[in-house]
Protein backbone atom coordinates (compact mmCIF):
# COMPACT_ATOMS: atom_id res chain seq x y z
CA UNK A 1 27.45 -10.70 -2.63
CA UNK A 2 29.43 -7.52 -2.18
CA UNK A 3 30.29 -5.49 0.89
CA UNK A 4 27.58 -5.05 3.52
CA UNK A 5 25.50 -1.89 3.40
CA UNK A 6 25.86 -1.69 7.19
CA UNK A 7 29.36 -0.33 7.89
CA UNK A 8 29.23 -1.32 11.58
CA UNK A 9 28.55 -5.00 10.79
CA UNK A 10 31.56 -7.28 10.46
CA UNK A 11 31.77 -9.43 7.35
CA UNK A 12 33.10 -12.94 8.01
CA UNK A 13 34.05 -15.61 5.48
CA UNK A 14 33.12 -19.14 6.66
CA UNK A 15 34.97 -22.38 5.88
CA UNK A 16 33.17 -25.65 6.56
CA UNK A 17 34.43 -28.98 7.86
CA UNK A 18 35.30 -32.18 6.01
CA UNK A 19 32.30 -33.88 4.34
CA UNK A 20 30.29 -30.67 4.58
CA UNK A 21 29.68 -27.87 2.09
CA UNK A 22 28.81 -24.22 2.41
CA UNK A 23 25.07 -24.87 2.62
CA UNK A 24 25.20 -27.69 5.18
CA UNK A 25 27.59 -25.66 7.33
CA UNK A 26 25.23 -22.71 7.18
CA UNK A 27 22.34 -24.95 8.26
CA UNK A 28 24.34 -26.27 11.22
CA UNK A 29 25.21 -22.79 12.47
CA UNK A 30 21.63 -21.59 12.97
CA UNK A 31 21.88 -20.96 16.72
CA UNK A 32 25.27 -19.29 16.34
CA UNK A 33 24.03 -17.08 13.49
CA UNK A 34 21.09 -15.97 15.62
CA UNK A 35 23.46 -14.96 18.43
CA UNK A 36 25.70 -12.80 16.26
CA UNK A 37 23.24 -11.57 13.59
CA UNK A 38 23.40 -7.93 14.74
CA UNK A 39 27.18 -8.03 14.85
CA UNK A 40 28.30 -9.96 11.79
CA UNK A 41 27.31 -11.04 8.30
CA UNK A 42 28.47 -14.56 7.43
CA UNK A 43 29.37 -15.63 3.90
CA UNK A 44 29.72 -19.38 3.31
CA UNK A 45 31.81 -20.94 0.54
CA UNK A 46 32.22 -24.58 -0.54
CA UNK A 47 35.52 -26.47 -0.79
CA UNK A 48 36.57 -27.43 -4.34
CA UNK A 49 37.09 -31.17 -3.82
CA UNK A 50 34.34 -33.82 -3.85
CA UNK A 51 34.80 -36.42 -1.11
CA UNK A 52 34.13 -39.99 -2.31
CA UNK A 53 31.37 -41.94 -0.51
CA UNK A 54 32.43 -44.04 2.45
CA UNK A 55 33.21 -47.56 1.24
CA UNK A 56 30.53 -50.01 2.25
CA UNK A 57 28.13 -47.28 3.32
CA UNK A 58 24.46 -48.13 2.97
CA UNK A 59 23.34 -44.60 3.68
CA UNK A 60 22.12 -43.53 0.27
CA UNK A 61 21.28 -40.03 1.42
CA UNK A 62 24.83 -39.46 2.66
CA UNK A 63 26.31 -40.81 -0.56
CA UNK A 64 24.14 -38.57 -2.72
CA UNK A 65 24.87 -35.38 -0.79
CA UNK A 66 27.50 -32.91 -1.94
CA UNK A 67 30.27 -33.72 0.52
CA UNK A 68 33.43 -31.67 0.10
CA UNK A 69 36.95 -31.41 1.51
CA UNK A 70 39.75 -28.87 1.44
CA UNK A 71 42.47 -31.45 0.78
CA UNK A 72 43.24 -35.15 1.19
CA UNK A 73 45.90 -36.86 3.29
CA UNK A 74 46.10 -39.83 0.92
CA UNK A 75 46.26 -40.12 -2.86
CA UNK A 76 43.03 -42.17 -2.86
CA UNK A 77 41.11 -39.01 -1.90
CA UNK A 78 40.68 -39.84 1.77
CA UNK A 79 41.46 -37.72 4.80
CA UNK A 80 42.36 -38.43 8.40
CA UNK A 81 43.05 -35.45 10.65
CA UNK A 82 45.16 -37.55 13.02
CA UNK A 83 47.29 -39.18 10.33
CA UNK A 84 50.86 -38.06 9.65
CA UNK A 85 51.21 -38.00 5.88
CA UNK A 86 53.45 -36.76 3.09
CA UNK A 87 50.30 -35.98 1.08
CA UNK A 88 48.20 -32.80 0.96
CA UNK A 89 46.41 -33.42 -2.33
CA UNK A 90 44.25 -30.49 -3.37
CA UNK A 91 45.57 -28.04 -0.77
CA UNK A 92 46.88 -25.49 -3.29
CA UNK A 93 43.51 -25.30 -5.06
CA UNK A 94 41.77 -24.61 -1.76
CA UNK A 95 44.16 -21.80 -0.84
CA UNK A 96 43.48 -20.25 -4.25
CA UNK A 97 39.72 -20.57 -3.69
CA UNK A 98 39.95 -18.72 -0.37
CA UNK A 99 42.08 -16.03 -2.00
CA UNK A 100 39.63 -15.73 -4.92
CA UNK A 101 36.62 -15.60 -2.59
CA UNK A 102 38.17 -12.73 -0.62
CA UNK A 103 38.79 -10.79 -3.85
CA UNK A 104 35.40 -11.49 -5.45
CA UNK A 105 33.07 -11.52 -2.43
CA UNK A 106 35.04 -9.36 0.00
CA UNK A 107 36.25 -7.36 1.65
CA UNK A 108 36.06 -9.52 4.78
CA UNK A 109 36.96 -8.44 8.28
CA UNK A 110 37.63 -11.98 9.44
CA UNK A 111 37.37 -15.70 8.74
CA UNK A 112 35.51 -18.31 10.79
CA UNK A 113 36.27 -21.97 10.18
CA UNK A 114 35.31 -25.39 11.50
CA UNK A 115 37.35 -28.61 11.81
CA UNK A 116 39.29 -29.24 8.56
CA UNK A 117 38.29 -25.73 7.47
CA UNK A 118 39.87 -24.44 10.69
CA UNK A 119 43.02 -26.40 9.90
CA UNK A 120 43.11 -24.73 6.49
CA UNK A 121 42.57 -21.36 8.20
CA UNK A 122 45.60 -21.99 10.42
CA UNK A 123 47.71 -22.32 7.27
CA UNK A 124 46.11 -19.29 5.60
CA UNK A 125 46.89 -17.23 8.72
CA UNK A 126 50.54 -18.24 8.48
CA UNK A 127 50.62 -17.32 4.79
CA UNK A 128 49.15 -13.90 5.53
CA UNK A 129 51.59 -13.37 8.40
CA UNK A 130 54.49 -14.08 6.05
CA UNK A 131 53.07 -11.99 3.20
CA UNK A 132 50.27 -9.56 4.15
CA UNK A 133 49.52 -8.91 0.47
CA UNK A 134 48.33 -12.49 -0.11
CA UNK A 135 45.16 -12.20 1.96
CA UNK A 136 43.24 -9.34 3.55
CA UNK A 137 41.49 -10.17 6.84
CA UNK A 138 41.98 -8.93 10.37
CA UNK A 139 40.94 -11.77 12.70
CA UNK A 140 40.23 -15.49 12.77
CA UNK A 141 37.81 -17.74 14.66
CA UNK A 142 38.71 -21.43 14.90
CA UNK A 143 36.15 -24.04 15.96
CA UNK A 144 37.67 -27.50 16.56
CA UNK A 145 40.86 -26.30 14.92
CA UNK A 146 44.08 -28.31 14.79
CA UNK A 147 47.54 -28.41 13.25
CA UNK A 148 47.83 -30.10 9.88
CA UNK A 149 49.74 -33.37 10.10
CA UNK A 150 50.68 -33.26 6.45
CA UNK A 151 54.47 -33.06 6.52
CA UNK A 152 54.64 -30.36 3.79
CA UNK A 153 52.78 -28.08 6.22
CA UNK A 154 55.10 -28.55 9.22
CA UNK A 155 57.14 -25.39 8.63
CA UNK A 156 54.03 -23.19 8.61
CA UNK A 157 53.68 -23.53 12.36
CA UNK A 158 57.11 -21.98 12.95
CA UNK A 159 55.39 -18.67 12.13
CA UNK A 160 53.65 -16.91 15.04
CA UNK A 161 50.37 -15.36 13.93
CA UNK A 162 49.79 -11.88 15.36
CA UNK A 163 46.20 -11.08 14.31
CA UNK A 164 43.50 -11.55 17.01
CA UNK A 165 42.15 -15.11 17.18
CA UNK A 166 39.39 -16.95 19.03
CA UNK A 167 39.78 -20.71 19.54
CA UNK A 168 36.68 -22.76 20.36
CA UNK A 169 36.94 -26.45 21.29
CA UNK A 170 35.00 -29.05 23.25
CA UNK A 171 36.01 -31.27 26.17
CA UNK A 172 34.17 -34.26 24.68
CA UNK A 173 35.01 -33.81 20.99
CA UNK A 174 35.68 -37.30 19.64
CA UNK A 175 36.53 -36.14 16.09
CA UNK A 176 39.14 -33.53 17.01
CA UNK A 177 40.18 -34.19 20.63
CA UNK A 178 40.74 -31.00 22.61
CA UNK A 179 44.45 -31.83 22.90
CA UNK A 180 44.74 -31.35 19.12
CA UNK A 181 43.12 -27.91 19.39
CA UNK A 182 45.31 -26.98 22.34
CA UNK A 183 48.43 -27.94 20.36
CA UNK A 184 47.54 -25.22 17.84
CA UNK A 185 47.53 -22.40 20.43
CA UNK A 186 51.32 -21.73 20.62
CA UNK A 187 51.21 -20.59 16.99
CA UNK A 188 49.23 -17.49 18.02
CA UNK A 189 50.46 -14.42 19.85
CA UNK A 190 47.46 -13.77 22.14
CA UNK A 191 44.79 -16.44 21.51
CA UNK A 192 41.39 -16.04 23.14
CA UNK A 193 40.12 -19.47 24.27
CA UNK A 194 36.52 -20.67 24.55
CA UNK A 195 36.52 -24.20 25.96
CA UNK A 196 33.10 -25.84 26.28
CA UNK A 197 31.83 -29.16 27.70
CA UNK A 198 30.37 -30.40 24.41
CA UNK A 199 31.61 -32.18 21.31
CA UNK A 200 32.23 -31.50 17.63
CA UNK A 201 30.01 -28.48 16.96
CA UNK A 202 29.77 -24.71 17.37
CA UNK A 203 28.45 -24.15 20.90
CA UNK A 204 25.80 -21.45 21.31
CA UNK A 205 24.63 -21.33 24.92
CA UNK A 206 24.15 -18.05 26.79
CA UNK A 207 27.55 -18.45 28.47
CA UNK A 208 29.34 -18.89 25.16
CA UNK A 209 27.33 -16.05 23.61
CA UNK A 210 29.11 -13.55 25.83
CA UNK A 211 32.55 -14.70 24.67
CA UNK A 212 31.57 -14.43 20.99
CA UNK A 213 30.05 -10.99 21.38
CA UNK A 214 32.95 -9.64 23.44
CA UNK A 215 35.38 -10.83 20.79
CA UNK A 216 33.31 -9.43 17.90
CA UNK A 217 32.75 -6.12 19.68
CA UNK A 218 36.49 -5.80 20.14
CA UNK A 219 37.04 -6.54 16.44
CA UNK A 220 34.42 -3.94 15.48
CA UNK A 221 36.10 -1.37 17.72
CA UNK A 222 39.45 -2.06 16.07
CA UNK A 223 37.81 -1.68 12.66
CA UNK A 224 36.38 1.74 13.48
């Protein structure tokens, strides 16, 4: 898919969470997509790494689905967002996939990402801040984002990201507690915050709709 035929519509690359893929993430964003459909075109990609089935799982459907991850925190191809680790197996391949997707399917105005995808986006933002020629996008939307606890990534967060960002996180998120999302905020110059009472998902109530649309309208105005 190439650039949108509607010049006033923002094009946004979307990065899914751990154990999702581009299609399942798209399916889970139905209400959000309906809210922003006149403002943005979303393009979903799938992480390069297959996540092994959960050991001892009896859920055949889950084991047969195409579950993907952006990198692993252990050499046995497992990932724990709250685990401090020396390992970031597969990270480089995922950065290259994002870069390739921007070149082949772009241009993109921004990137939206969820959970582990949002963690990857935090690193991609730092890479772009350090070298603007590596990536070409103008804003970022993080949903349940957090700082990577892989030790090789620690130095990334010394860089302050200056592009506009929107950070969405839930008070009752049990997967990525809000404190983890809040810890990411100092890495951004002027973060816009959307805190909601729910859990680990993209909220799409009327109240949240206004925040999304205000942010996207501002991005569209900057584009024009």
